[in-house]
Amino acid sequence: VFGSNETTNLEDEQISLDTNSILGMFVRRCTLTFNVLSFE
């Protein structure tokens, strides 16, 4: 779809900075869920 590898790495780095915050955890779960759904 897009440059998944580069984009995913950048998003993971940004999200990992906020993993302790509720918003960070919410965004991370949404990202993981989106990745799973995109394969189906």
C-alpha atoms as a PDB file:
ATOM      1  CA  VAL A   1       0.000   0.000   0.000  1.00  0.00           C
ATOM      2  CA  PHE A   2       2.463   2.617   1.215  1.00  0.00           C
ATOM      3  CA  GLY A   3       6.129   2.390   2.256  1.00  0.00           C
ATOM      4  CA  SER A   4       5.014   0.121   5.073  1.00  0.00           C
ATOM      5  CA  ASN A   5       8.461  -0.656   6.462  1.00  0.00           C
ATOM      6  CA  GLU A   6       9.637   2.946   6.791  1.00  0.00           C
ATOM      7  CA  THR A   7       6.253   4.267   7.883  1.00  0.00           C
ATOM      8  CA  THR A   8       5.749   1.520  10.451  1.00  0.00           C
ATOM      9  CA  ASN A   9       9.209   2.074  11.935  1.00  0.00           C
ATOM     10  CA  LEU A  10       8.620   5.817  12.314  1.00  0.00           C
ATOM     11  CA  GLU A  11       5.179   5.278  13.849  1.00  0.00           C
ATOM     12  CA  ASP A  12       6.499   2.642  16.243  1.00  0.00           C
ATOM     13  CA  GLU A  13       9.230   5.022  17.423  1.00  0.00           C
ATOM     14  CA  GLN A  14       6.773   7.870  17.953  1.00  0.00           C
ATOM     15  CA  ILE A  15       4.233   5.639  19.704  1.00  0.00           C
ATOM     16  CA  SER A  16       6.877   4.057  21.944  1.00  0.00           C
ATOM     17  CA  LEU A  17       7.587   7.528  23.357  1.00  0.00           C
ATOM     18  CA  ASP A  18       4.009   7.731  24.666  1.00  0.00           C
ATOM     19  CA  THR A  19       3.469   4.099  25.682  1.00  0.00           C
ATOM     20  CA  ASN A  20       2.985   5.173  29.305  1.00  0.00           C
ATOM     21  CA  SER A  21       0.127   7.512  28.421  1.00  0.00           C
ATOM     22  CA  ILE A  22      -3.440   6.335  27.850  1.00  0.00           C
ATOM     23  CA  LEU A  23      -3.481   7.991  24.435  1.00  0.00           C
ATOM     24  CA  GLY A  24      -0.228   6.259  23.497  1.00  0.00           C
ATOM     25  CA  MET A  25      -1.626   2.864  24.472  1.00  0.00           C
ATOM     26  CA  PHE A  26      -4.872   3.584  22.612  1.00  0.00           C
ATOM     27  CA  VAL A  27      -3.064   4.637  19.440  1.00  0.00           C
ATOM     28  CA  ARG A  28      -0.748   1.633  19.637  1.00  0.00           C
ATOM     29  CA  ARG A  29      -3.684  -0.777  19.986  1.00  0.00           C
ATOM     30  CA  CYS A  30      -5.463   0.872  17.061  1.00  0.00           C
ATOM     31  CA  THR A  31      -2.289   0.581  14.961  1.00  0.00           C
ATOM     32  CA  LEU A  32      -1.820  -3.091  15.826  1.00  0.00           C
ATOM     33  CA  THR A  33      -5.501  -3.812  15.150  1.00  0.00           C
ATOM     34  CA  PHE A  34      -5.355  -1.957  11.827  1.00  0.00           C
ATOM     35  CA  ASN A  35      -2.289  -3.970  10.791  1.00  0.00           C
ATOM     36  CA  VAL A  36      -4.079  -7.242  11.586  1.00  0.00           C
ATOM     37  CA  LEU A  37      -7.230  -6.219   9.721  1.00  0.00           C
ATOM     38  CA  SER A  38      -5.261  -4.989   6.701  1.00  0.00           C
ATOM     39  CA  PHE A  39      -3.912  -8.509   6.115  1.00  0.00           C
ATOM     40  CA  GLU A  40      -7.371 -10.071   5.991  1.00  0.00           C
END
